[in-house]
Structures are given as C-alpha cells and as structure tokens.
PDB file of N, CA and C in Angstrom:
ATOM      1  N   MET A   1      13.665  -1.866 -12.734  1.00  0.00           N
ATOM      2  CA  MET A   1      14.538  -1.689 -11.570  1.00  0.00           C
ATOM      3  C   MET A   1      15.434  -3.274 -11.253  1.00  0.00           C
ATOM      4  N   ASP A   2      16.022  -2.593 -12.922  1.00  0.00           N
ATOM      5  CA  ASP A   2      17.091  -4.125 -12.051  1.00  0.00           C
ATOM      6  C   ASP A   2      18.970  -3.360 -11.979  1.00  0.00           C
ATOM      7  N   ASP A   3      19.694  -3.253 -11.162  1.00  0.00           N
ATOM      8  CA  ASP A   3      20.075  -2.514 -11.066  1.00  0.00           C
ATOM      9  C   ASP A   3      21.268  -4.013 -10.778  1.00  0.00           C
ATOM     10  N   GLY A   4      21.861  -5.016 -10.650  1.00  0.00           N
ATOM     11  CA  GLY A   4      22.428  -5.679 -10.939  1.00  0.00           C
ATOM     12  C   GLY A   4      21.888  -6.650  -9.787  1.00  0.00           C
ATOM     13  N   GLN A   5      21.243  -5.944  -8.751  1.00  0.00           N
ATOM     14  CA  GLN A   5      21.254  -6.936  -7.504  1.00  0.00           C
ATOM     15  C   GLN A   5      20.841  -7.780  -7.197  1.00  0.00           C
ATOM     16  N   GLN A   6      21.687  -9.149  -7.243  1.00  0.00           N
ATOM     17  CA  GLN A   6      20.511 -10.710  -6.816  1.00  0.00           C
ATOM     18  C   GLN A   6      19.893 -10.741  -5.477  1.00  0.00           C
ATOM     19  N   PRO A   7      18.662 -11.209  -5.454  1.00  0.00           N
ATOM     20  CA  PRO A   7      18.025 -11.315  -4.680  1.00  0.00           C
ATOM     21  C   PRO A   7      18.810 -11.952  -3.824  1.00  0.00           C
ATOM     22  N   VAL A   8      18.087 -12.177  -2.484  1.00  0.00           N
ATOM     23  CA  VAL A   8      18.352 -12.847  -1.081  1.00  0.00           C
ATOM     24  C   VAL A   8      17.610 -14.170  -0.840  1.00  0.00           C
ATOM     25  N   SER A   9      17.936 -15.100  -0.480  1.00  0.00           N
ATOM     26  CA  SER A   9      17.319 -16.279  -0.236  1.00  0.00           C
ATOM     27  C   SER A   9      17.311 -16.812   1.155  1.00  0.00           C
ATOM     28  N   ILE A  10      16.236 -16.703   1.280  1.00  0.00           N
ATOM     29  CA  ILE A  10      16.120 -16.963   2.640  1.00  0.00           C
ATOM     30  C   ILE A  10      15.017 -17.797   3.053  1.00  0.00           C
ATOM     31  N   LEU A  11      14.715 -19.005   4.273  1.00  0.00           N
ATOM     32  CA  LEU A  11      13.947 -19.966   4.819  1.00  0.00           C
ATOM     33  C   LEU A  11      12.880 -18.918   5.310  1.00  0.00           C
ATOM     34  N   ALA A  12      11.659 -19.412   4.568  1.00  0.00           N
ATOM     35  CA  ALA A  12      10.148 -19.049   5.269  1.00  0.00           C
ATOM     36  C   ALA A  12       9.742 -19.602   6.395  1.00  0.00           C
ATOM     37  N   ARG A  13       9.501 -18.939   7.383  1.00  0.00           N
ATOM     38  CA  ARG A  13       9.176 -19.580   8.917  1.00  0.00           C
ATOM     39  C   ARG A  13       8.036 -20.297   8.657  1.00  0.00           C
ATOM     40  N   ASP A  14       7.074 -20.087   8.636  1.00  0.00           N
ATOM     41  CA  ASP A  14       5.552 -21.001   8.011  1.00  0.00           C
ATOM     42  C   ASP A  14       5.568 -22.418   7.247  1.00  0.00           C
ATOM     43  N   THR A  15       7.156 -21.890   6.114  1.00  0.00           N
ATOM     44  CA  THR A  15       6.734 -23.096   5.444  1.00  0.00           C
ATOM     45  C   THR A  15       8.132 -24.204   5.432  1.00  0.00           C
ATOM     46  N   GLY A  16       8.739 -22.971   5.521  1.00  0.00           N
ATOM     47  CA  GLY A  16      10.534 -24.092   5.477  1.00  0.00           C
ATOM     48  C   GLY A  16      10.794 -23.237   3.924  1.00  0.00           C
ATOM     49  N   GLU A  17      10.131 -22.973   3.011  1.00  0.00           N
ATOM     50  CA  GLU A  17      10.690 -23.193   1.414  1.00  0.00           C
ATOM     51  C   GLU A  17      11.032 -21.716   1.649  1.00  0.00           C
ATOM     52  N   THR A  18      12.414 -21.934   0.929  1.00  0.00           N
ATOM     53  CA  THR A  18      13.391 -20.581   0.733  1.00  0.00           C
ATOM     54  C   THR A  18      12.481 -19.544  -0.505  1.00  0.00           C
ATOM     55  N   LEU A  19      12.652 -18.713   0.612  1.00  0.00           N
ATOM     56  CA  LEU A  19      12.016 -17.407  -0.554  1.00  0.00           C
ATOM     57  C   LEU A  19      13.194 -16.978  -1.580  1.00  0.00           C
ATOM     58  N   ASP A  20      13.031 -16.197  -2.798  1.00  0.00           N
ATOM     59  CA  ASP A  20      13.981 -14.865  -2.758  1.00  0.00           C
ATOM     60  C   ASP A  20      13.296 -13.892  -2.845  1.00  0.00           C
ATOM     61  N   ILE A  21      14.276 -12.593  -2.179  1.00  0.00           N
ATOM     62  CA  ILE A  21      13.808 -11.931  -1.509  1.00  0.00           C
ATOM     63  C   ILE A  21      14.168 -11.230  -2.352  1.00  0.00           C
ATOM     64  N   GLU A  22      13.973  -9.660  -3.063  1.00  0.00           N
ATOM     65  CA  GLU A  22      14.479  -8.450  -3.885  1.00  0.00           C
ATOM     66  C   GLU A  22      14.428  -7.801  -3.226  1.00  0.00           C
ATOM     67  N   PHE A  23      15.173  -6.576  -2.165  1.00  0.00           N
ATOM     68  CA  PHE A  23      15.347  -5.922  -0.942  1.00  0.00           C
ATOM     69  C   PHE A  23      15.062  -4.493  -2.224  1.00  0.00           C
ATOM     70  N   GLN A  24      14.903  -4.480  -3.150  1.00  0.00           N
ATOM     71  CA  GLN A  24      14.498  -3.079  -3.872  1.00  0.00           C
ATOM     72  C   GLN A  24      13.574  -3.086  -3.996  1.00  0.00           C
ATOM     73  N   SER A  25      12.331  -4.362  -4.623  1.00  0.00           N
ATOM     74  CA  SER A  25      11.369  -3.753  -4.585  1.00  0.00           C
ATOM     75  C   SER A  25      10.117  -4.286  -3.522  1.00  0.00           C
ATOM     76  N   VAL A  26      10.855  -4.944  -2.709  1.00  0.00           N
ATOM     77  CA  VAL A  26       9.863  -3.928  -0.768  1.00  0.00           C
ATOM     78  C   VAL A  26       9.705  -3.186  -0.311  1.00  0.00           C
ATOM     79  N   ALA A  27      11.363  -2.739  -0.870  1.00  0.00           N
ATOM     80  CA  ALA A  27      12.048  -1.396   0.274  1.00  0.00           C
ATOM     81  C   ALA A  27      11.095  -0.735  -0.652  1.00  0.00           C
ATOM     82  N   PHE A  28      10.938  -0.400  -1.753  1.00  0.00           N
ATOM     83  CA  PHE A  28      10.451  -0.057  -3.388  1.00  0.00           C
ATOM     84  C   PHE A  28       8.283   0.639  -3.019  1.00  0.00           C
ATOM     85  N   LEU A  29       8.001  -0.952  -2.164  1.00  0.00           N
ATOM     86  CA  LEU A  29       6.884  -0.990  -1.348  1.00  0.00           C
ATOM     87  C   LEU A  29       6.510  -0.808  -0.608  1.00  0.00           C
ATOM     88  N   ALA A  30       7.114  -0.719   0.508  1.00  0.00           N
ATOM     89  CA  ALA A  30       7.323  -0.435   1.936  1.00  0.00           C
ATOM     90  C   ALA A  30       8.030   1.131   2.203  1.00  0.00           C
ATOM     91  N   LYS A  31       7.980   1.773   1.215  1.00  0.00           N
ATOM     92  CA  LYS A  31       7.875   3.400   1.265  1.00  0.00           C
ATOM     93  C   LYS A  31       6.783   4.148   0.340  1.00  0.00           C
ATOM     94  N   SER A  32       6.519   3.279  -0.322  1.00  0.00           N
ATOM     95  CA  SER A  32       4.924   3.974  -0.594  1.00  0.00           C
ATOM     96  C   SER A  32       3.017   3.815   0.350  1.00  0.00           C
ATOM     97  N   LEU A  33       4.034   2.320   1.528  1.00  0.00           N
ATOM     98  CA  LEU A  33       2.730   2.564   2.409  1.00  0.00           C
ATOM     99  C   LEU A  33       3.634   3.352   3.334  1.00  0.00           C
ATOM    100  N   SER A  34       4.266   3.983   3.493  1.00  0.00           N
ATOM    101  CA  SER A  34       4.478   4.480   4.951  1.00  0.00           C
ATOM    102  C   SER A  34       4.077   5.456   4.918  1.00  0.00           C
ATOM    103  N   ASP A  35       3.264   6.228   4.453  1.00  0.00           N
ATOM    104  CA  ASP A  35       1.921   7.547   4.718  1.00  0.00           C
ATOM    105  C   ASP A  35       0.899   6.450   5.036  1.00  0.00           C
ATOM    106  N   GLU A  36       0.343   7.892   6.666  1.00  0.00           N
ATOM    107  CA  GLU A  36      -0.905   7.187   6.627  1.00  0.00           C
ATOM    108  C   GLU A  36      -1.701   7.781   5.796  1.00  0.00           C
ATOM    109  N   ASN A  37      -2.129   8.841   5.556  1.00  0.00           N
ATOM    110  CA  ASN A  37      -3.001   9.201   4.408  1.00  0.00           C
ATOM    111  C   ASN A  37      -3.259   8.670   2.870  1.00  0.00           C
ATOM    112  N   ARG A  38      -2.286   7.073   3.003  1.00  0.00           N
ATOM    113  CA  ARG A  38      -1.887   6.421   2.000  1.00  0.00           C
ATOM    114  C   ARG A  38      -3.200   5.571   2.336  1.00  0.00           C
ATOM    115  N   LEU A  39      -2.171   4.926   2.911  1.00  0.00           N
ATOM    116  CA  LEU A  39      -3.076   3.851   3.993  1.00  0.00           C
ATOM    117  C   LEU A  39      -4.064   3.957   4.189  1.00  0.00           C
ATOM    118  N   ARG A  40      -4.767   4.951   4.750  1.00  0.00           N
ATOM    119  CA  ARG A  40      -5.931   5.723   4.130  1.00  0.00           C
ATOM    120  C   ARG A  40      -7.156   5.140   3.434  1.00  0.00           C
ATOM    121  N   ILE A  41      -7.081   5.963   1.862  1.00  0.00           N
ATOM    122  CA  ILE A  41      -6.650   6.131   0.509  1.00  0.00           C
ATOM    123  C   ILE A  41      -6.861   3.862   0.152  1.00  0.00           C
ATOM    124  N   LEU A  42      -5.862   3.828   0.613  1.00  0.00           N
ATOM    125  CA  LEU A  42      -6.333   2.538   0.203  1.00  0.00           C
ATOM    126  C   LEU A  42      -7.342   1.159   0.950  1.00  0.00           C
ATOM    127  N   LEU A  43      -7.827   1.668   2.213  1.00  0.00           N
ATOM    128  CA  LEU A  43      -8.109   0.867   2.859  1.00  0.00           C
ATOM    129  C   LEU A  43      -9.914   1.561   2.050  1.00  0.00           C
ATOM    130  N   CYS A  44     -10.494   3.291   1.802  1.00  0.00           N
ATOM    131  CA  CYS A  44     -11.132   3.465   1.592  1.00  0.00           C
ATOM    132  C   CYS A  44     -11.786   2.809   0.156  1.00  0.00           C
ATOM    133  N   ILE A  45     -10.097   2.598  -0.835  1.00  0.00           N
ATOM    134  CA  ILE A  45     -10.868   1.817  -2.184  1.00  0.00           C
ATOM    135  C   ILE A  45     -11.341   0.305  -1.942  1.00  0.00           C
ATOM    136  N   SER A  46     -10.511   0.655  -0.815  1.00  0.00           N
ATOM    137  CA  SER A  46     -11.334  -1.813  -0.926  1.00  0.00           C
ATOM    138  C   SER A  46     -11.790  -2.492  -1.220  1.00  0.00           C
ATOM    139  N   GLN A  47     -13.090  -1.506  -0.796  1.00  0.00           N
ATOM    140  CA  GLN A  47     -14.541  -1.939  -0.745  1.00  0.00           C
ATOM    141  C   GLN A  47     -15.518  -2.196  -2.090  1.00  0.00           C
ATOM    142  N   GLY A  48     -14.264  -1.188  -3.366  1.00  0.00           N
ATOM    143  CA  GLY A  48     -14.557  -0.604  -4.966  1.00  0.00           C
ATOM    144  C   GLY A  48     -14.127   0.715  -5.586  1.00  0.00           C
ATOM    145  N   LYS A  49     -14.461   0.595  -6.623  1.00  0.00           N
ATOM    146  CA  LYS A  49     -13.778   1.734  -7.225  1.00  0.00           C
ATOM    147  C   LYS A  49     -14.253   3.111  -6.664  1.00  0.00           C
ATOM    148  N   LYS A  50     -13.161   4.202  -6.334  1.00  0.00           N
ATOM    149  CA  LYS A  50     -14.070   5.467  -6.682  1.00  0.00           C
ATOM    150  C   LYS A  50     -13.593   6.367  -7.034  1.00  0.00           C
ATOM    151  N   ALA A  51     -13.982   7.562  -7.065  1.00  0.00           N
ATOM    152  CA  ALA A  51     -13.361   8.645  -7.945  1.00  0.00           C
ATOM    153  C   ALA A  51     -12.996   9.124  -6.844  1.00  0.00           C
ATOM    154  N   VAL A  52     -11.509  10.325  -7.306  1.00  0.00           N
ATOM    155  CA  VAL A  52     -11.367  11.526  -6.574  1.00  0.00           C
ATOM    156  C   VAL A  52     -12.456  11.645  -5.364  1.00  0.00           C
ATOM    157  N   GLY A  53     -12.989  12.830  -5.561  1.00  0.00           N
ATOM    158  CA  GLY A  53     -14.419  12.921  -4.801  1.00  0.00           C
ATOM    159  C   GLY A  53     -14.989  12.831  -3.929  1.00  0.00           C
ATOM    160  N   SER A  54     -15.176  11.431  -4.148  1.00  0.00           N
ATOM    161  CA  SER A  54     -15.927  10.790  -2.974  1.00  0.00           C
ATOM    162  C   SER A  54     -14.683  10.465  -2.310  1.00  0.00           C
ATOM    163  N   ILE A  55     -13.570   9.818  -2.423  1.00  0.00           N
ATOM    164  CA  ILE A  55     -12.653   9.815  -1.588  1.00  0.00           C
ATOM    165  C   ILE A  55     -12.213  10.789  -0.515  1.00  0.00           C
ATOM    166  N   VAL A  56     -12.181  11.997  -0.710  1.00  0.00           N
ATOM    167  CA  VAL A  56     -11.995  13.344  -0.483  1.00  0.00           C
ATOM    168  C   VAL A  56     -13.263  13.273   0.628  1.00  0.00           C
ATOM    169  N   GLU A  57     -14.290  13.105  -0.025  1.00  0.00           N
ATOM    170  CA  GLU A  57     -15.622  13.459   1.120  1.00  0.00           C
ATOM    171  C   GLU A  57     -15.346  12.414   2.436  1.00  0.00           C
ATOM    172  N   GLU A  58     -14.635  10.915   1.572  1.00  0.00           N
ATOM    173  CA  GLU A  58     -15.375  10.060   3.111  1.00  0.00           C
ATOM    174  C   GLU A  58     -13.917  10.553   3.455  1.00  0.00           C
ATOM    175  N   LEU A  59     -12.770  10.748   3.361  1.00  0.00           N
ATOM    176  CA  LEU A  59     -11.348  10.582   4.365  1.00  0.00           C
ATOM    177  C   LEU A  59     -11.784  12.309   5.511  1.00  0.00           C
ATOM    178  N   GLY A  60     -11.881  13.170   4.316  1.00  0.00           N
ATOM    179  CA  GLY A  60     -11.619  14.884   4.680  1.00  0.00           C
ATOM    180  C   GLY A  60     -10.592  15.372   4.431  1.00  0.00           C
ATOM    181  N   LEU A  61      -9.663  14.760   3.292  1.00  0.00           N
ATOM    182  CA  LEU A  61      -8.891  14.737   2.864  1.00  0.00           C
ATOM    183  C   LEU A  61      -9.356  16.669   2.532  1.00  0.00           C
ATOM    184  N   SER A  62      -7.480  17.364   1.861  1.00  0.00           N
ATOM    185  CA  SER A  62      -7.920  18.176   0.043  1.00  0.00           C
ATOM    186  C   SER A  62      -7.901  17.425  -1.321  1.00  0.00           C
ATOM    187  N   GLN A  63      -8.730  17.604  -1.893  1.00  0.00           N
ATOM    188  CA  GLN A  63      -8.726  17.086  -3.053  1.00  0.00           C
ATOM    189  C   GLN A  63      -6.852  17.308  -4.015  1.00  0.00           C
ATOM    190  N   PRO A  64      -6.147  18.176  -3.437  1.00  0.00           N
ATOM    191  CA  PRO A  64      -4.957  18.096  -3.968  1.00  0.00           C
ATOM    192  C   PRO A  64      -3.934  17.267  -3.220  1.00  0.00           C
ATOM    193  N   LEU A  65      -4.668  16.705  -2.271  1.00  0.00           N
ATOM    194  CA  LEU A  65      -3.545  16.137  -1.206  1.00  0.00           C
ATOM    195  C   LEU A  65      -4.089  14.797  -1.981  1.00  0.00           C
ATOM    196  N   VAL A  66      -5.408  14.648  -1.941  1.00  0.00           N
ATOM    197  CA  VAL A  66      -5.685  12.764  -2.435  1.00  0.00           C
ATOM    198  C   VAL A  66      -5.438  12.432  -3.288  1.00  0.00           C
ATOM    199  N   SER A  67      -5.031  13.014  -4.564  1.00  0.00           N
ATOM    200  CA  SER A  67      -4.776  13.570  -5.910  1.00  0.00           C
ATOM    201  C   SER A  67      -2.877  13.258  -5.869  1.00  0.00           C
ATOM    202  N   HIS A  68      -2.176  13.912  -5.065  1.00  0.00           N
ATOM    203  CA  HIS A  68      -0.956  13.251  -5.102  1.00  0.00           C
ATOM    204  C   HIS A  68      -1.002  12.119  -4.148  1.00  0.00           C
ATOM    205  N   HIS A  69      -1.363  11.810  -3.375  1.00  0.00           N
ATOM    206  CA  HIS A  69      -0.870  10.222  -3.067  1.00  0.00           C
ATOM    207  C   HIS A  69      -1.525   9.270  -3.578  1.00  0.00           C
ATOM    208  N   LEU A  70      -2.592   9.268  -4.690  1.00  0.00           N
ATOM    209  CA  LEU A  70      -3.039   8.057  -5.794  1.00  0.00           C
ATOM    210  C   LEU A  70      -2.500   8.650  -6.690  1.00  0.00           C
ATOM    211  N   LYS A  71      -2.121   9.316  -6.931  1.00  0.00           N
ATOM    212  CA  LYS A  71      -0.477   9.213  -7.888  1.00  0.00           C
ATOM    213  C   LYS A  71       0.856   8.605  -7.081  1.00  0.00           C
ATOM    214  N   GLU A  72       1.441   8.844  -6.457  1.00  0.00           N
ATOM    215  CA  GLU A  72       2.196   7.777  -5.985  1.00  0.00           C
ATOM    216  C   GLU A  72       1.203   6.291  -5.651  1.00  0.00           C
ATOM    217  N   LEU A  73       0.423   6.289  -5.528  1.00  0.00           N
ATOM    218  CA  LEU A  73      -0.045   5.119  -5.120  1.00  0.00           C
ATOM    219  C   LEU A  73      -0.072   4.354  -6.879  1.00  0.00           C
ATOM    220  N   LYS A  74      -0.558   5.022  -7.561  1.00  0.00           N
ATOM    221  CA  LYS A  74      -0.772   4.261  -8.845  1.00  0.00           C
ATOM    222  C   LYS A  74       0.683   4.428  -9.376  1.00  0.00           C
ATOM    223  N   ARG A  75       1.448   5.356  -8.627  1.00  0.00           N
ATOM    224  CA  ARG A  75       2.879   5.152  -9.872  1.00  0.00           C
ATOM    225  C   ARG A  75       4.062   3.700  -9.043  1.00  0.00           C
ATOM    226  N   SER A  76       3.245   2.998  -8.170  1.00  0.00           N
ATOM    227  CA  SER A  76       3.644   2.440  -7.740  1.00  0.00           C
ATOM    228  C   SER A  76       3.052   0.932  -7.602  1.00  0.00           C
ATOM    229  N   LEU A  77       2.148   1.237  -8.198  1.00  0.00           N
ATOM    230  CA  LEU A  77       1.409   0.150  -9.125  1.00  0.00           C
ATOM    231  C   LEU A  77       0.339  -0.643  -7.863  1.00  0.00           C
ATOM    232  N   LEU A  78       0.013  -0.310  -7.231  1.00  0.00           N
ATOM    233  CA  LEU A  78      -0.986  -0.099  -5.701  1.00  0.00           C
ATOM    234  C   LEU A  78      -2.937   0.149  -5.875  1.00  0.00           C
ATOM    235  N   VAL A  79      -2.824   0.696  -7.123  1.00  0.00           N
ATOM    236  CA  VAL A  79      -3.872   1.314  -7.742  1.00  0.00           C
ATOM    237  C   VAL A  79      -4.307   1.265  -9.126  1.00  0.00           C
ATOM    238  N   ARG A  80      -5.137   0.593  -9.248  1.00  0.00           N
ATOM    239  CA  ARG A  80      -5.274   0.951 -11.032  1.00  0.00           C
ATOM    240  C   ARG A  80      -6.440   1.936 -10.943  1.00  0.00           C
ATOM    241  N   ILE A  81      -6.297   2.058 -12.625  1.00  0.00           N
ATOM    242  CA  ILE A  81      -7.802   3.320 -12.755  1.00  0.00           C
ATOM    243  C   ILE A  81      -8.344   2.808 -13.683  1.00  0.00           C
ATOM    244  N   GLU A  82      -9.738   3.207 -13.885  1.00  0.00           N
ATOM    245  CA  GLU A  82     -11.454   3.231 -14.553  1.00  0.00           C
ATOM    246  C   GLU A  82     -11.280   4.503 -15.384  1.00  0.00           C
ATOM    247  N   ARG A  83     -11.338   4.702 -16.167  1.00  0.00           N
ATOM    248  CA  ARG A  83     -11.593   5.760 -16.854  1.00  0.00           C
ATOM    249  C   ARG A  83     -13.341   5.706 -17.158  1.00  0.00           C
ATOM    250  N   SER A  84     -13.862   6.484 -16.806  1.00  0.00           N
ATOM    251  CA  SER A  84     -15.365   6.732 -18.151  1.00  0.00           C
ATOM    252  C   SER A  84     -16.132   8.213 -17.667  1.00  0.00           C
ATOM    253  N   GLY A  85     -16.011   8.451 -18.484  1.00  0.00           N
ATOM    254  CA  GLY A  85     -16.147   9.471 -19.195  1.00  0.00           C
ATOM    255  C   GLY A  85     -15.539  11.128 -18.907  1.00  0.00           C
ATOM    256  N   PRO A  86     -15.760  10.997 -17.934  1.00  0.00           N
ATOM    257  CA  PRO A  86     -14.879  12.696 -17.808  1.00  0.00           C
ATOM    258  C   PRO A  86     -13.820  12.310 -16.009  1.00  0.00           C
ATOM    259  N   PHE A  87     -14.690  10.770 -15.475  1.00  0.00           N
ATOM    260  CA  PHE A  87     -14.672  10.257 -13.985  1.00  0.00           C
ATOM    261  C   PHE A  87     -13.418   8.990 -13.918  1.00  0.00           C
ATOM    262  N   ILE A  88     -12.669   9.491 -13.052  1.00  0.00           N
ATOM    263  CA  ILE A  88     -11.284   8.223 -13.433  1.00  0.00           C
ATOM    264  C   ILE A  88     -11.838   7.402 -11.488  1.00  0.00           C
ATOM    265  N   TYR A  89     -11.641   6.565 -12.023  1.00  0.00           N
ATOM    266  CA  TYR A  89     -11.763   5.550 -10.924  1.00  0.00           C
ATOM    267  C   TYR A  89     -10.922   4.742 -10.478  1.00  0.00           C
ATOM    268  N   TYR A  90     -10.392   4.507  -8.774  1.00  0.00           N
ATOM    269  CA  TYR A  90      -8.827   4.545  -8.086  1.00  0.00           C
ATOM    270  C   TYR A  90      -9.660   3.209  -7.731  1.00  0.00           C
ATOM    271  N   GLU A  91      -8.663   2.134  -7.880  1.00  0.00           N
ATOM    272  CA  GLU A  91      -9.575   0.464  -7.423  1.00  0.00           C
ATOM    273  C   GLU A  91      -8.203  -0.271  -6.996  1.00  0.00           C
ATOM    274  N   LEU A  92      -8.461  -0.920  -5.415  1.00  0.00           N
ATOM    275  CA  LEU A  92      -6.892  -1.735  -6.147  1.00  0.00           C
ATOM    276  C   LEU A  92      -6.244  -2.364  -6.400  1.00  0.00           C
ATOM    277  N   SER A  93      -5.436  -2.910  -6.794  1.00  0.00           N
ATOM    278  CA  SER A  93      -3.898  -3.195  -7.991  1.00  0.00           C
ATOM    279  C   SER A  93      -4.612  -4.800  -8.063  1.00  0.00           C
ATOM    280  N   ASP A  94      -4.409  -4.923  -6.534  1.00  0.00           N
ATOM    281  CA  ASP A  94      -4.441  -6.641  -5.886  1.00  0.00           C
ATOM    282  C   ASP A  94      -5.177  -5.913  -4.545  1.00  0.00           C
ATOM    283  N   PRO A  95      -6.419  -7.012  -4.383  1.00  0.00           N
ATOM    284  CA  PRO A  95      -6.912  -7.616  -2.886  1.00  0.00           C
ATOM    285  C   PRO A  95      -5.631  -8.217  -2.188  1.00  0.00           C
ATOM    286  N   ALA A  96      -4.945  -8.659  -2.050  1.00  0.00           N
ATOM    287  CA  ALA A  96      -3.399  -8.726  -1.106  1.00  0.00           C
ATOM    288  C   ALA A  96      -2.837  -7.740  -0.802  1.00  0.00           C
ATOM    289  N   ILE A  97      -3.071  -6.211  -1.433  1.00  0.00           N
ATOM    290  CA  ILE A  97      -2.624  -5.144  -0.189  1.00  0.00           C
ATOM    291  C   ILE A  97      -3.508  -5.144   0.344  1.00  0.00           C
ATOM    292  N   LEU A  98      -4.203  -5.159   0.998  1.00  0.00           N
ATOM    293  CA  LEU A  98      -5.233  -5.137   2.303  1.00  0.00           C
ATOM    294  C   LEU A  98      -4.342  -6.055   3.861  1.00  0.00           C
ATOM    295  N   GLY A  99      -4.439  -7.269   3.132  1.00  0.00           N
ATOM    296  CA  GLY A  99      -4.083  -8.316   3.920  1.00  0.00           C
ATOM    297  C   GLY A  99      -2.199  -8.051   3.931  1.00  0.00           C
ATOM    298  N   VAL A 100      -1.494  -7.307   3.059  1.00  0.00           N
ATOM    299  CA  VAL A 100      -0.492  -6.391   3.541  1.00  0.00           C
ATOM    300  C   VAL A 100      -0.569  -5.413   4.648  1.00  0.00           C
ATOM    301  N   ILE A 101      -1.528  -4.831   4.746  1.00  0.00           N
ATOM    302  CA  ILE A 101      -1.856  -3.946   5.874  1.00  0.00           C
ATOM    303  C   ILE A 101      -1.626  -4.375   6.703  1.00  0.00           C
ATOM    304  N   GLU A 102      -3.303  -5.633   7.031  1.00  0.00           N
ATOM    305  CA  GLU A 102      -3.826  -5.748   8.480  1.00  0.00           C
ATOM    306  C   GLU A 102      -2.200  -6.595   8.699  1.00  0.00           C
ATOM    307  N   GLU A 103      -1.247  -7.081   7.884  1.00  0.00           N
ATOM    308  CA  GLU A 103      -0.627  -8.039   8.985  1.00  0.00           C
ATOM    309  C   GLU A 103       0.488  -7.086   9.488  1.00  0.00           C
ATOM    310  N   LEU A 104       0.770  -5.515   8.484  1.00  0.00           N
ATOM    311  CA  LEU A 104       1.892  -4.664   9.300  1.00  0.00           C
ATOM    312  C   LEU A 104       0.409  -3.761  10.382  1.00  0.00           C
ATOM    313  N   ASN A 105      -0.239  -3.988  10.362  1.00  0.00           N
ATOM    314  CA  ASN A 105      -1.585  -3.868  11.174  1.00  0.00           C
ATOM    315  C   ASN A 105      -0.324  -4.401  13.130  1.00  0.00           C
ATOM    316  N   MET A 106      -1.041  -5.608  13.052  1.00  0.00           N
ATOM    317  CA  MET A 106      -0.757  -6.572  13.783  1.00  0.00           C
ATOM    318  C   MET A 106       0.572  -6.741  14.512  1.00  0.00           C
ATOM    319  N   VAL A 107       1.664  -6.472  13.418  1.00  0.00           N
ATOM    320  CA  VAL A 107       2.416  -6.265  13.961  1.00  0.00           C
ATOM    321  C   VAL A 107       3.333  -4.820  14.659  1.00  0.00           C
ATOM    322  N   ALA A 108       2.972  -4.003  13.862  1.00  0.00           N
ATOM    323  CA  ALA A 108       3.262  -2.723  15.319  1.00  0.00           C
ATOM    324  C   ALA A 108       2.356  -2.420  16.450  1.00  0.00           C
ATOM    325  N   GLU A 109       0.942  -2.826  16.784  1.00  0.00           N
ATOM    326  CA  GLU A 109       0.527  -3.069  17.229  1.00  0.00           C
ATOM    327  C   GLU A 109       0.893  -4.207  18.742  1.00  0.00           C
ATOM    328  N   ASN A 110       1.376  -5.502  18.565  1.00  0.00           N
ATOM    329  CA  ASN A 110       2.683  -5.561  19.092  1.00  0.00           C
ATOM    330  C   ASN A 110       3.837  -5.702  19.675  1.00  0.00           C
ATOM    331  N   LEU A 111       3.963  -4.914  18.693  1.00  0.00           N
ATOM    332  CA  LEU A 111       5.644  -4.146  19.190  1.00  0.00           C
ATOM    333  C   LEU A 111       5.274  -2.908  19.910  1.00  0.00           C
ATOM    334  N   LEU A 112       3.961  -1.859  19.908  1.00  0.00           N
ATOM    335  CA  LEU A 112       3.703  -1.274  20.706  1.00  0.00           C
ATOM    336  C   LEU A 112       3.257  -1.060  21.991  1.00  0.00           C
ATOM    337  N   ALA A 113       2.655  -2.663  22.228  1.00  0.00           N
ATOM    338  CA  ALA A 113       2.478  -2.929  23.074  1.00  0.00           C
ATOM    339  C   ALA A 113       3.114  -3.466  24.696  1.00  0.00           C
ATOM    340  N   THR A 114       4.910  -3.876  24.048  1.00  0.00           N
ATOM    341  CA  THR A 114       5.492  -4.051  24.645  1.00  0.00           C
ATOM    342  C   THR A 114       6.547  -2.897  24.772  1.00  0.00           C
ATOM    343  N   ARG A 115       5.642  -1.799  24.625  1.00  0.00           N
ATOM    344  CA  ARG A 115       6.750  -0.987  24.403  1.00  0.00           C
ATOM    345  C   ARG A 115       6.822   0.135  25.282  1.00  0.00           C
ATOM    346  N   THR A 116       7.908   0.158  26.307  1.00  0.00           N
ATOM    347  CA  THR A 116       7.563   1.150  28.349  1.00  0.00           C
ATOM    348  C   THR A 116       8.421   2.940  27.892  1.00  0.00           C
ATOM    349  N   THR A 117       8.885   2.625  26.300  1.00  0.00           N
ATOM    350  CA  THR A 117       9.109   4.267  26.357  1.00  0.00           C
ATOM    351  C   THR A 117       9.329   4.378  25.462  1.00  0.00           C
ATOM    352  N   PHE A 118       9.154   6.275  24.932  1.00  0.00           N
ATOM    353  CA  PHE A 118       9.109   6.492  23.732  1.00  0.00           C
ATOM    354  C   PHE A 118      10.029   7.605  23.317  1.00  0.00           C
TER     355      PHE A 118
END
C-alpha cells in the first residue's frame, strides 16, 4: 500500500520513543476490526485452528456470513488458513491481535463509562 505518503512520527507515551505510524495501514486494520462478527470470529479462533462449520456452530451465525467475514479477515492478514484434505482451518495470524482487541475493549469501556448522553 505505497501511495507516496510518509509515516508520521509521534512520541510514545509509555517509553518516550519515537514511533513511525503509517496511518493508511492502521486505518486498513481498524476497518477490518470494525465489525462485531469479525471480532467474535477472531476470539473464537484465538484458542486454536477451527473449520468454518465449528465457527458457525459456536457463534450461531450462518455459514455464508462466517465465510464472508473469514474472507475479509484473510484479506486483511488477520487470519491464516491451513488446508487438510477437504477442510480449511482458520487461525489467528498473530497472537498480538488478541491484545489489540483487549486494549480496544478497555478503551471502549472507559469511554462509555463516562458517557451521559447517546
């Protein structure tokens, strides 16, 4: 995704180090995480490889919907696949994804705790 934009440098709050952020990449990832069903699927497969049928059964979603979201998660590199005979198994591409989801959840809880209007 090279469109000629340069990374933006910011100072990390915790360490004081300079971080280079490429907002286009961050926005792409954030968009991939912006769907509740995708988050549920990521959490579902965080315990290990699962086939589409297992995900469908655990989450109570339709097979076409799960397949659509898995395709998007694969496209955004958040999941990887493993073929075994006629089955395709999905797993997280990086365990750090879970940490990102947990952090987003804490931020959301903190923001919503102080919200007084909707």
